[in-house]
Amino acid sequence: MSQTITITLPNEIYQPLADAASQEGRTIEELAAARLARTVITRSAPRADEAGRKRVSDFIGAWDSGDPNSADNERIDADLAREYGATHDEE
Protein backbone atom coordinates (compact mmCIF):
# COMPACT_ATOMS: atom_id res chain seq x y z
CA MET A 1 0.00 0.00 0.00
CA SER A 2 1.30 3.46 -0.79
CA GLN A 3 0.24 6.98 0.03
CA THR A 4 0.54 10.18 -1.97
CA ILE A 5 1.80 13.38 -0.37
CA THR A 6 2.48 16.83 -1.77
CA ILE A 7 5.37 18.84 -0.40
CA THR A 8 6.79 22.26 -1.16
CA LEU A 9 10.57 22.38 -1.42
CA PRO A 10 12.74 25.47 -1.45
CA ASN A 11 14.73 25.81 -4.67
CA GLU A 12 18.04 25.11 -2.87
CA ILE A 13 16.72 21.62 -2.06
CA TYR A 14 14.67 21.03 -5.21
CA GLN A 15 17.38 21.84 -7.75
CA PRO A 16 20.12 19.50 -6.41
CA LEU A 17 17.49 16.77 -6.05
CA ALA A 18 16.31 17.32 -9.63
CA ASP A 19 19.91 17.28 -10.90
CA ALA A 20 20.67 14.03 -9.04
CA ALA A 21 17.47 12.43 -10.34
CA SER A 22 18.38 13.41 -13.89
CA GLN A 23 21.89 11.97 -13.53
CA GLU A 24 20.45 8.69 -12.21
CA GLY A 25 17.78 8.50 -14.91
CA ARG A 26 14.98 8.61 -12.36
CA THR A 27 12.12 10.96 -11.73
CA ILE A 28 12.50 13.46 -8.94
CA GLU A 29 9.59 11.76 -7.17
CA GLU A 30 11.32 8.36 -7.30
CA LEU A 31 14.58 9.77 -5.98
CA ALA A 32 12.90 11.81 -3.24
CA ALA A 33 10.86 8.79 -2.11
CA ALA A 34 13.96 6.56 -2.08
CA ARG A 35 15.99 9.06 -0.06
CA LEU A 36 13.15 9.65 2.37
CA ALA A 37 12.67 5.90 2.82
CA ARG A 38 16.39 5.42 3.47
CA THR A 39 16.34 8.20 6.07
CA VAL A 40 13.30 6.79 7.86
CA ILE A 41 14.70 3.25 7.88
CA THR A 42 18.12 4.44 9.10
CA ARG A 43 16.61 6.41 11.95
CA SER A 44 14.36 3.55 13.08
CA ALA A 45 17.18 0.95 13.02
CA PRO A 46 18.67 1.91 16.41
CA ARG A 47 15.32 1.17 18.04
CA ALA A 48 15.52 -2.39 16.75
CA ASP A 49 19.08 -2.64 18.08
CA GLU A 50 17.92 -1.40 21.47
CA ALA A 51 15.18 -4.03 21.57
CA GLY A 52 17.74 -6.72 20.73
CA ARG A 53 20.11 -5.51 23.43
CA LYS A 54 17.30 -5.53 25.96
CA ARG A 55 16.45 -9.16 25.14
CA VAL A 56 20.11 -10.20 25.44
CA SER A 57 20.79 -8.16 28.57
CA ASP A 58 18.64 -10.55 30.60
CA PHE A 59 21.35 -13.18 30.08
CA ILE A 60 24.33 -11.04 31.06
CA GLY A 61 25.89 -12.58 34.13
CA ALA A 62 23.58 -15.60 33.98
CA TRP A 63 26.51 -18.01 33.77
CA ASP A 64 29.50 -18.16 36.07
CA SER A 65 32.58 -19.87 34.67
CA GLY A 66 34.13 -19.99 38.11
CA ASP A 67 37.17 -18.22 36.67
CA PRO A 68 37.41 -14.53 37.59
CA ASN A 69 39.73 -13.95 34.61
CA SER A 70 37.59 -15.62 31.96
CA ALA A 71 36.81 -12.26 30.30
CA ASP A 72 40.47 -11.20 30.08
CA ASN A 73 41.03 -10.21 26.44
CA GLU A 74 44.72 -11.14 26.39
CA ARG A 75 43.90 -14.59 27.72
CA ILE A 76 41.08 -15.01 25.20
CA ASP A 77 43.44 -13.98 22.38
CA ALA A 78 46.04 -16.49 23.57
CA ASP A 79 43.42 -19.26 23.75
CA LEU A 80 42.22 -18.46 20.23
CA ALA A 81 45.76 -18.33 18.86
CA ARG A 82 46.54 -21.69 20.45
CA GLU A 83 43.40 -23.29 19.04
CA TYR A 84 43.84 -21.82 15.55
CA GLY A 85 47.38 -23.15 15.51
CA ALA A 86 46.36 -26.64 16.62
CA THR A 87 45.90 -29.31 13.95
CA HIS A 88 43.29 -31.18 16.03
CA ASP A 89 44.60 -34.45 14.60
CA GLU A 90 44.31 -37.52 16.76
CA GLU A 91 47.63 -38.17 18.42
PDB file of N, CA and C in Angstrom:
ATOM      1  N   MET A   1       0.841  -1.162   0.000  1.00  0.00           N
ATOM      2  CA  MET A   1       0.000   0.000   0.000  1.00  0.00           C
ATOM      3  C   MET A   1       0.893   1.234   0.000  1.00  0.00           C
ATOM      4  N   SER A   2       0.521   2.225  -0.753  1.00  0.00           N
ATOM      5  CA  SER A   2       1.300   3.459  -0.789  1.00  0.00           C
ATOM      6  C   SER A   2       0.376   4.653  -0.611  1.00  0.00           C
ATOM      7  N   GLN A   3       0.968   5.734  -0.199  1.00  0.00           N
ATOM      8  CA  GLN A   3       0.239   6.978   0.033  1.00  0.00           C
ATOM      9  C   GLN A   3       0.853   8.063  -0.840  1.00  0.00           C
ATOM     10  N   THR A   4       0.065   9.054  -1.184  1.00  0.00           N
ATOM     11  CA  THR A   4       0.545  10.182  -1.966  1.00  0.00           C
ATOM     12  C   THR A   4       0.578  11.415  -1.078  1.00  0.00           C
ATOM     13  N   ILE A   5       1.705  12.121  -1.114  1.00  0.00           N
ATOM     14  CA  ILE A   5       1.805  13.382  -0.374  1.00  0.00           C
ATOM     15  C   ILE A   5       2.293  14.465  -1.329  1.00  0.00           C
ATOM     16  N   THR A   6       1.992  15.681  -1.001  1.00  0.00           N
ATOM     17  CA  THR A   6       2.480  16.826  -1.765  1.00  0.00           C
ATOM     18  C   THR A   6       3.301  17.683  -0.820  1.00  0.00           C
ATOM     19  N   ILE A   7       4.519  18.004  -1.243  1.00  0.00           N
ATOM     20  CA  ILE A   7       5.374  18.841  -0.400  1.00  0.00           C
ATOM     21  C   ILE A   7       5.892  20.019  -1.218  1.00  0.00           C
ATOM     22  N   THR A   8       6.193  21.082  -0.534  1.00  0.00           N
ATOM     23  CA  THR A   8       6.792  22.258  -1.162  1.00  0.00           C
ATOM     24  C   THR A   8       8.244  22.325  -0.720  1.00  0.00           C
ATOM     25  N   LEU A   9       9.142  22.342  -1.707  1.00  0.00           N
ATOM     26  CA  LEU A   9      10.574  22.379  -1.417  1.00  0.00           C
ATOM     27  C   LEU A   9      11.154  23.720  -1.827  1.00  0.00           C
ATOM     28  N   PRO A  10      12.034  24.275  -1.007  1.00  0.00           N
ATOM     29  CA  PRO A  10      12.744  25.472  -1.449  1.00  0.00           C
ATOM     30  C   PRO A  10      13.655  25.106  -2.622  1.00  0.00           C
ATOM     31  N   ASN A  11      13.938  26.066  -3.473  1.00  0.00           N
ATOM     32  CA  ASN A  11      14.732  25.813  -4.667  1.00  0.00           C
ATOM     33  C   ASN A  11      16.103  25.230  -4.339  1.00  0.00           C
ATOM     34  N   GLU A  12      16.703  25.632  -3.213  1.00  0.00           N
ATOM     35  CA  GLU A  12      18.040  25.113  -2.871  1.00  0.00           C
ATOM     36  C   GLU A  12      18.018  23.626  -2.517  1.00  0.00           C
ATOM     37  N   ILE A  13      16.850  23.071  -2.263  1.00  0.00           N
ATOM     38  CA  ILE A  13      16.715  21.624  -2.058  1.00  0.00           C
ATOM     39  C   ILE A  13      16.228  20.965  -3.346  1.00  0.00           C
ATOM     40  N   TYR A  14      15.267  21.601  -4.001  1.00  0.00           N
ATOM     41  CA  TYR A  14      14.671  21.025  -5.207  1.00  0.00           C
ATOM     42  C   TYR A  14      15.699  20.847  -6.323  1.00  0.00           C
ATOM     43  N   GLN A  15      16.487  21.889  -6.594  1.00  0.00           N
ATOM     44  CA  GLN A  15      17.379  21.838  -7.746  1.00  0.00           C
ATOM     45  C   GLN A  15      18.442  20.744  -7.639  1.00  0.00           C
ATOM     46  N   PRO A  16      19.150  20.613  -6.506  1.00  0.00           N
ATOM     47  CA  PRO A  16      20.116  19.504  -6.415  1.00  0.00           C
ATOM     48  C   PRO A  16      19.436  18.132  -6.504  1.00  0.00           C
ATOM     49  N   LEU A  17      18.232  18.031  -5.971  1.00  0.00           N
ATOM     50  CA  LEU A  17      17.489  16.775  -6.051  1.00  0.00           C
ATOM     51  C   LEU A  17      17.118  16.472  -7.502  1.00  0.00           C
ATOM     52  N   ALA A  18      16.659  17.496  -8.224  1.00  0.00           N
ATOM     53  CA  ALA A  18      16.308  17.325  -9.634  1.00  0.00           C
ATOM     54  C   ALA A  18      17.535  16.955 -10.457  1.00  0.00           C
ATOM     55  N   ASP A  19      18.663  17.595 -10.177  1.00  0.00           N
ATOM     56  CA  ASP A  19      19.906  17.283 -10.895  1.00  0.00           C
ATOM     57  C   ASP A  19      20.341  15.838 -10.642  1.00  0.00           C
ATOM     58  N   ALA A  20      20.279  15.409  -9.388  1.00  0.00           N
ATOM     59  CA  ALA A  20      20.668  14.034  -9.042  1.00  0.00           C
ATOM     60  C   ALA A  20      19.732  13.031  -9.703  1.00  0.00           C
ATOM     61  N   ALA A  21      18.441  13.327  -9.709  1.00  0.00           N
ATOM     62  CA  ALA A  21      17.471  12.427 -10.339  1.00  0.00           C
ATOM     63  C   ALA A  21      17.760  12.304 -11.829  1.00  0.00           C
ATOM     64  N   SER A  22      18.062  13.416 -12.466  1.00  0.00           N
ATOM     65  CA  SER A  22      18.379  13.412 -13.894  1.00  0.00           C
ATOM     66  C   SER A  22      19.624  12.578 -14.174  1.00  0.00           C
ATOM     67  N   GLN A  23      20.644  12.729 -13.352  1.00  0.00           N
ATOM     68  CA  GLN A  23      21.885  11.968 -13.527  1.00  0.00           C
ATOM     69  C   GLN A  23      21.657  10.471 -13.357  1.00  0.00           C
ATOM     70  N   GLU A  24      20.726  10.108 -12.476  1.00  0.00           N
ATOM     71  CA  GLU A  24      20.451   8.692 -12.211  1.00  0.00           C
ATOM     72  C   GLU A  24      19.396   8.121 -13.151  1.00  0.00           C
ATOM     73  N   GLY A  25      18.809   8.970 -13.992  1.00  0.00           N
ATOM     74  CA  GLY A  25      17.779   8.496 -14.910  1.00  0.00           C
ATOM     75  C   GLY A  25      16.478   8.148 -14.203  1.00  0.00           C
ATOM     76  N   ARG A  26      16.195   8.848 -13.134  1.00  0.00           N
ATOM     77  CA  ARG A  26      14.976   8.612 -12.356  1.00  0.00           C
ATOM     78  C   ARG A  26      14.163   9.893 -12.319  1.00  0.00           C
ATOM     79  N   THR A  27      12.912   9.761 -11.940  1.00  0.00           N
ATOM     80  CA  THR A  27      12.115  10.963 -11.731  1.00  0.00           C
ATOM     81  C   THR A  27      12.483  11.547 -10.379  1.00  0.00           C
ATOM     82  N   ILE A  28      12.209  12.819 -10.218  1.00  0.00           N
ATOM     83  CA  ILE A  28      12.500  13.458  -8.940  1.00  0.00           C
ATOM     84  C   ILE A  28      11.665  12.827  -7.833  1.00  0.00           C
ATOM     85  N   GLU A  29      10.447  12.411  -8.166  1.00  0.00           N
ATOM     86  CA  GLU A  29       9.589  11.763  -7.168  1.00  0.00           C
ATOM     87  C   GLU A  29      10.185  10.435  -6.708  1.00  0.00           C
ATOM     88  N   GLU A  30      10.710   9.649  -7.655  1.00  0.00           N
ATOM     89  CA  GLU A  30      11.323   8.364  -7.296  1.00  0.00           C
ATOM     90  C   GLU A  30      12.535   8.570  -6.391  1.00  0.00           C
ATOM     91  N   LEU A  31      13.368   9.525  -6.763  1.00  0.00           N
ATOM     92  CA  LEU A  31      14.576   9.769  -5.977  1.00  0.00           C
ATOM     93  C   LEU A  31      14.233  10.311  -4.595  1.00  0.00           C
ATOM     94  N   ALA A  32      13.291  11.249  -4.538  1.00  0.00           N
ATOM     95  CA  ALA A  32      12.899  11.814  -3.244  1.00  0.00           C
ATOM     96  C   ALA A  32      12.308  10.733  -2.345  1.00  0.00           C
ATOM     97  N   ALA A  33      11.462   9.866  -2.908  1.00  0.00           N
ATOM     98  CA  ALA A  33      10.858   8.789  -2.112  1.00  0.00           C
ATOM     99  C   ALA A  33      11.927   7.819  -1.616  1.00  0.00           C
ATOM    100  N   ALA A  34      12.897   7.486  -2.473  1.00  0.00           N
ATOM    101  CA  ALA A  34      13.964   6.561  -2.077  1.00  0.00           C
ATOM    102  C   ALA A  34      14.823   7.157  -0.963  1.00  0.00           C
ATOM    103  N   ARG A  35      15.160   8.425  -1.093  1.00  0.00           N
ATOM    104  CA  ARG A  35      15.989   9.064  -0.059  1.00  0.00           C
ATOM    105  C   ARG A  35      15.227   9.211   1.250  1.00  0.00           C
ATOM    106  N   LEU A  36      13.963   9.538   1.160  1.00  0.00           N
ATOM    107  CA  LEU A  36      13.150   9.654   2.371  1.00  0.00           C
ATOM    108  C   LEU A  36      13.024   8.294   3.051  1.00  0.00           C
ATOM    109  N   ALA A  37      12.782   7.248   2.257  1.00  0.00           N
ATOM    110  CA  ALA A  37      12.667   5.898   2.824  1.00  0.00           C
ATOM    111  C   ALA A  37      13.959   5.493   3.514  1.00  0.00           C
ATOM    112  N   ARG A  38      15.092   5.772   2.876  1.00  0.00           N
ATOM    113  CA  ARG A  38      16.387   5.423   3.467  1.00  0.00           C
ATOM    114  C   ARG A  38      16.600   6.163   4.787  1.00  0.00           C
ATOM    115  N   THR A  39      16.202   7.415   4.847  1.00  0.00           N
ATOM    116  CA  THR A  39      16.341   8.201   6.073  1.00  0.00           C
ATOM    117  C   THR A  39      15.470   7.647   7.183  1.00  0.00           C
ATOM    118  N   VAL A  40      14.233   7.316   6.858  1.00  0.00           N
ATOM    119  CA  VAL A  40      13.304   6.792   7.863  1.00  0.00           C
ATOM    120  C   VAL A  40      13.784   5.441   8.375  1.00  0.00           C
ATOM    121  N   ILE A  41      14.223   4.576   7.483  1.00  0.00           N
ATOM    122  CA  ILE A  41      14.701   3.247   7.879  1.00  0.00           C
ATOM    123  C   ILE A  41      15.958   3.373   8.733  1.00  0.00           C
ATOM    124  N   THR A  42      16.881   4.248   8.350  1.00  0.00           N
ATOM    125  CA  THR A  42      18.121   4.438   9.102  1.00  0.00           C
ATOM    126  C   THR A  42      17.839   4.940  10.507  1.00  0.00           C
ATOM    127  N   ARG A  43      16.905   5.849  10.636  1.00  0.00           N
ATOM    128  CA  ARG A  43      16.609   6.405  11.954  1.00  0.00           C
ATOM    129  C   ARG A  43      15.853   5.429  12.836  1.00  0.00           C
ATOM    130  N   SER A  44      15.104   4.499  12.254  1.00  0.00           N
ATOM    131  CA  SER A  44      14.365   3.545  13.078  1.00  0.00           C
ATOM    132  C   SER A  44      15.210   2.331  13.441  1.00  0.00           C
ATOM    133  N   ALA A  45      16.331   2.107  12.760  1.00  0.00           N
ATOM    134  CA  ALA A  45      17.179   0.947  13.023  1.00  0.00           C
ATOM    135  C   ALA A  45      17.709   0.891  14.449  1.00  0.00           C
ATOM    136  N   PRO A  46      18.172   2.002  15.036  1.00  0.00           N
ATOM    137  CA  PRO A  46      18.675   1.906  16.414  1.00  0.00           C
ATOM    138  C   PRO A  46      17.626   1.401  17.395  1.00  0.00           C
ATOM    139  N   ARG A  47      16.363   1.679  17.149  1.00  0.00           N
ATOM    140  CA  ARG A  47      15.320   1.172  18.039  1.00  0.00           C
ATOM    141  C   ARG A  47      15.305  -0.354  18.026  1.00  0.00           C
ATOM    142  N   ALA A  48      15.479  -0.930  16.845  1.00  0.00           N
ATOM    143  CA  ALA A  48      15.521  -2.386  16.745  1.00  0.00           C
ATOM    144  C   ALA A  48      16.740  -2.921  17.489  1.00  0.00           C
ATOM    145  N   ASP A  49      17.874  -2.229  17.365  1.00  0.00           N
ATOM    146  CA  ASP A  49      19.079  -2.639  18.079  1.00  0.00           C
ATOM    147  C   ASP A  49      18.866  -2.579  19.585  1.00  0.00           C
ATOM    148  N   GLU A  50      18.189  -1.538  20.039  1.00  0.00           N
ATOM    149  CA  GLU A  50      17.922  -1.402  21.467  1.00  0.00           C
ATOM    150  C   GLU A  50      17.047  -2.542  21.964  1.00  0.00           C
ATOM    151  N   ALA A  51      16.055  -2.927  21.178  1.00  0.00           N
ATOM    152  CA  ALA A  51      15.182  -4.034  21.572  1.00  0.00           C
ATOM    153  C   ALA A  51      15.983  -5.329  21.657  1.00  0.00           C
ATOM    154  N   GLY A  52      16.893  -5.537  20.710  1.00  0.00           N
ATOM    155  CA  GLY A  52      17.737  -6.723  20.735  1.00  0.00           C
ATOM    156  C   GLY A  52      18.655  -6.745  21.942  1.00  0.00           C
ATOM    157  N   ARG A  53      19.240  -5.588  22.253  1.00  0.00           N
ATOM    158  CA  ARG A  53      20.110  -5.507  23.430  1.00  0.00           C
ATOM    159  C   ARG A  53      19.333  -5.799  24.705  1.00  0.00           C
ATOM    160  N   LYS A  54      18.111  -5.306  24.766  1.00  0.00           N
ATOM    161  CA  LYS A  54      17.301  -5.526  25.958  1.00  0.00           C
ATOM    162  C   LYS A  54      17.021  -7.020  26.144  1.00  0.00           C
ATOM    163  N   ARG A  55      16.712  -7.723  25.046  1.00  0.00           N
ATOM    164  CA  ARG A  55      16.452  -9.163  25.145  1.00  0.00           C
ATOM    165  C   ARG A  55      17.703  -9.915  25.600  1.00  0.00           C
ATOM    166  N   VAL A  56      18.857  -9.520  25.098  1.00  0.00           N
ATOM    167  CA  VAL A  56      20.107 -10.197  25.439  1.00  0.00           C
ATOM    168  C   VAL A  56      20.569  -9.832  26.840  1.00  0.00           C
ATOM    169  N   SER A  57      20.287  -8.621  27.276  1.00  0.00           N
ATOM    170  CA  SER A  57      20.794  -8.165  28.573  1.00  0.00           C
ATOM    171  C   SER A  57      20.279  -9.011  29.731  1.00  0.00           C
ATOM    172  N   ASP A  58      19.154  -9.675  29.552  1.00  0.00           N
ATOM    173  CA  ASP A  58      18.640 -10.555  30.604  1.00  0.00           C
ATOM    174  C   ASP A  58      19.602 -11.710  30.896  1.00  0.00           C
ATOM    175  N   PHE A  59      20.446 -12.046  29.920  1.00  0.00           N
ATOM    176  CA  PHE A  59      21.346 -13.184  30.083  1.00  0.00           C
ATOM    177  C   PHE A  59      22.742 -12.781  30.550  1.00  0.00           C
ATOM    178  N   ILE A  60      23.016 -11.488  30.622  1.00  0.00           N
ATOM    179  CA  ILE A  60      24.334 -11.035  31.063  1.00  0.00           C
ATOM    180  C   ILE A  60      24.528 -11.425  32.524  1.00  0.00           C
ATOM    181  N   GLY A  61      25.599 -12.134  32.776  1.00  0.00           N
ATOM    182  CA  GLY A  61      25.894 -12.577  34.133  1.00  0.00           C
ATOM    183  C   GLY A  61      25.117 -13.813  34.555  1.00  0.00           C
ATOM    184  N   ALA A  62      24.394 -14.432  33.629  1.00  0.00           N
ATOM    185  CA  ALA A  62      23.581 -15.597  33.981  1.00  0.00           C
ATOM    186  C   ALA A  62      24.422 -16.855  34.147  1.00  0.00           C
ATOM    187  N   TRP A  63      25.655 -16.835  33.682  1.00  0.00           N
ATOM    188  CA  TRP A  63      26.506 -18.013  33.775  1.00  0.00           C
ATOM    189  C   TRP A  63      27.803 -17.616  34.453  1.00  0.00           C
ATOM    190  N   ASP A  64      28.248 -18.423  35.355  1.00  0.00           N
ATOM    191  CA  ASP A  64      29.498 -18.161  36.066  1.00  0.00           C
ATOM    192  C   ASP A  64      30.482 -19.260  35.714  1.00  0.00           C
ATOM    193  N   SER A  65      31.580 -18.880  35.073  1.00  0.00           N
ATOM    194  CA  SER A  65      32.577 -19.870  34.671  1.00  0.00           C
ATOM    195  C   SER A  65      33.389 -20.361  35.858  1.00  0.00           C
ATOM    196  N   GLY A  66      33.320 -19.636  36.960  1.00  0.00           N
ATOM    197  CA  GLY A  66      34.130 -19.989  38.108  1.00  0.00           C
ATOM    198  C   GLY A  66      35.543 -19.445  38.008  1.00  0.00           C
ATOM    199  N   ASP A  67      35.843 -18.792  36.890  1.00  0.00           N
ATOM    200  CA  ASP A  67      37.169 -18.223  36.670  1.00  0.00           C
ATOM    201  C   ASP A  67      37.033 -16.704  36.606  1.00  0.00           C
ATOM    202  N   PRO A  68      37.564 -15.982  37.587  1.00  0.00           N
ATOM    203  CA  PRO A  68      37.407 -14.528  37.590  1.00  0.00           C
ATOM    204  C   PRO A  68      38.119 -13.831  36.431  1.00  0.00           C
ATOM    205  N   ASN A  69      38.998 -14.539  35.734  1.00  0.00           N
ATOM    206  CA  ASN A  69      39.732 -13.948  34.612  1.00  0.00           C
ATOM    207  C   ASN A  69      39.223 -14.421  33.252  1.00  0.00           C
ATOM    208  N   SER A  70      38.072 -15.043  33.213  1.00  0.00           N
ATOM    209  CA  SER A  70      37.588 -15.622  31.957  1.00  0.00           C
ATOM    210  C   SER A  70      37.279 -14.573  30.892  1.00  0.00           C
ATOM    211  N   ALA A  71      37.104 -13.323  31.272  1.00  0.00           N
ATOM    212  CA  ALA A  71      36.815 -12.265  30.302  1.00  0.00           C
ATOM    213  C   ALA A  71      38.058 -11.449  29.950  1.00  0.00           C
ATOM    214  N   ASP A  72      39.225 -11.907  30.361  1.00  0.00           N
ATOM    215  CA  ASP A  72      40.471 -11.197  30.083  1.00  0.00           C
ATOM    216  C   ASP A  72      40.793 -11.315  28.593  1.00  0.00           C
ATOM    217  N   ASN A  73      40.832 -10.191  27.892  1.00  0.00           N
ATOM    218  CA  ASN A  73      41.031 -10.208  26.444  1.00  0.00           C
ATOM    219  C   ASN A  73      42.355 -10.828  26.024  1.00  0.00           C
ATOM    220  N   GLU A  74      43.421 -10.558  26.744  1.00  0.00           N
ATOM    221  CA  GLU A  74      44.718 -11.137  26.388  1.00  0.00           C
ATOM    222  C   GLU A  74      44.674 -12.656  26.508  1.00  0.00           C
ATOM    223  N   ARG A  75      44.017 -13.135  27.531  1.00  0.00           N
ATOM    224  CA  ARG A  75      43.901 -14.586  27.716  1.00  0.00           C
ATOM    225  C   ARG A  75      43.031 -15.198  26.618  1.00  0.00           C
ATOM    226  N   ILE A  76      41.953 -14.524  26.279  1.00  0.00           N
ATOM    227  CA  ILE A  76      41.082 -15.012  25.201  1.00  0.00           C
ATOM    228  C   ILE A  76      41.859 -15.059  23.893  1.00  0.00           C
ATOM    229  N   ASP A  77      42.626 -13.996  23.599  1.00  0.00           N
ATOM    230  CA  ASP A  77      43.437 -13.978  22.379  1.00  0.00           C
ATOM    231  C   ASP A  77      44.439 -15.125  22.361  1.00  0.00           C
ATOM    232  N   ALA A  78      45.069 -15.390  23.493  1.00  0.00           N
ATOM    233  CA  ALA A  78      46.038 -16.486  23.573  1.00  0.00           C
ATOM    234  C   ALA A  78      45.349 -17.830  23.354  1.00  0.00           C
ATOM    235  N   ASP A  79      44.174 -18.012  23.944  1.00  0.00           N
ATOM    236  CA  ASP A  79      43.420 -19.256  23.752  1.00  0.00           C
ATOM    237  C   ASP A  79      43.051 -19.443  22.282  1.00  0.00           C
ATOM    238  N   LEU A  80      42.587 -18.374  21.652  1.00  0.00           N
ATOM    239  CA  LEU A  80      42.219 -18.465  20.235  1.00  0.00           C
ATOM    240  C   LEU A  80      43.432 -18.768  19.368  1.00  0.00           C
ATOM    241  N   ALA A  81      44.545 -18.096  19.631  1.00  0.00           N
ATOM    242  CA  ALA A  81      45.762 -18.333  18.856  1.00  0.00           C
ATOM    243  C   ALA A  81      46.212 -19.779  18.998  1.00  0.00           C
ATOM    244  N   ARG A  82      46.145 -20.304  20.214  1.00  0.00           N
ATOM    245  CA  ARG A  82      46.545 -21.690  20.453  1.00  0.00           C
ATOM    246  C   ARG A  82      45.636 -22.642  19.676  1.00  0.00           C
ATOM    247  N   GLU A  83      44.341 -22.402  19.717  1.00  0.00           N
ATOM    248  CA  GLU A  83      43.402 -23.293  19.039  1.00  0.00           C
ATOM    249  C   GLU A  83      43.499 -23.184  17.519  1.00  0.00           C
ATOM    250  N   TYR A  84      43.698 -21.968  17.001  1.00  0.00           N
ATOM    251  CA  TYR A  84      43.842 -21.819  15.553  1.00  0.00           C
ATOM    252  C   TYR A  84      45.111 -22.486  15.056  1.00  0.00           C
ATOM    253  N   GLY A  85      46.129 -22.530  15.895  1.00  0.00           N
ATOM    254  CA  GLY A  85      47.382 -23.150  15.506  1.00  0.00           C
ATOM    255  C   GLY A  85      47.381 -24.663  15.655  1.00  0.00           C
ATOM    256  N   ALA A  86      46.417 -25.197  16.392  1.00  0.00           N
ATOM    257  CA  ALA A  86      46.359 -26.644  16.625  1.00  0.00           C
ATOM    258  C   ALA A  86      45.816 -27.349  15.387  1.00  0.00           C
ATOM    259  N   THR A  87      46.364 -28.534  15.106  1.00  0.00           N
ATOM    260  CA  THR A  87      45.897 -29.307  13.948  1.00  0.00           C
ATOM    261  C   THR A  87      44.660 -30.126  14.279  1.00  0.00           C
ATOM    262  N   HIS A  88      44.433 -30.386  15.555  1.00  0.00           N
ATOM    263  CA  HIS A  88      43.295 -31.176  16.033  1.00  0.00           C
ATOM    264  C   HIS A  88      43.294 -32.599  15.475  1.00  0.00           C
ATOM    265  N   ASP A  89      44.480 -33.064  15.053  1.00  0.00           N
ATOM    266  CA  ASP A  89      44.601 -34.452  14.604  1.00  0.00           C
ATOM    267  C   ASP A  89      44.682 -35.349  15.827  1.00  0.00           C
ATOM    268  N   GLU A  90      44.193 -36.542  15.680  1.00  0.00           N
ATOM    269  CA  GLU A  90      44.306 -37.524  16.761  1.00  0.00           C
ATOM    270  C   GLU A  90      45.779 -37.852  16.944  1.00  0.00           C
ATOM    271  N   GLU A  91      46.216 -37.875  18.163  1.00  0.00           N
ATOM    272  CA  GLU A  91      47.630 -38.173  18.423  1.00  0.00           C
ATOM    273  C   GLU A  91      47.794 -39.576  18.907  1.00  0.00           C
TER     274      GLU A  91
END
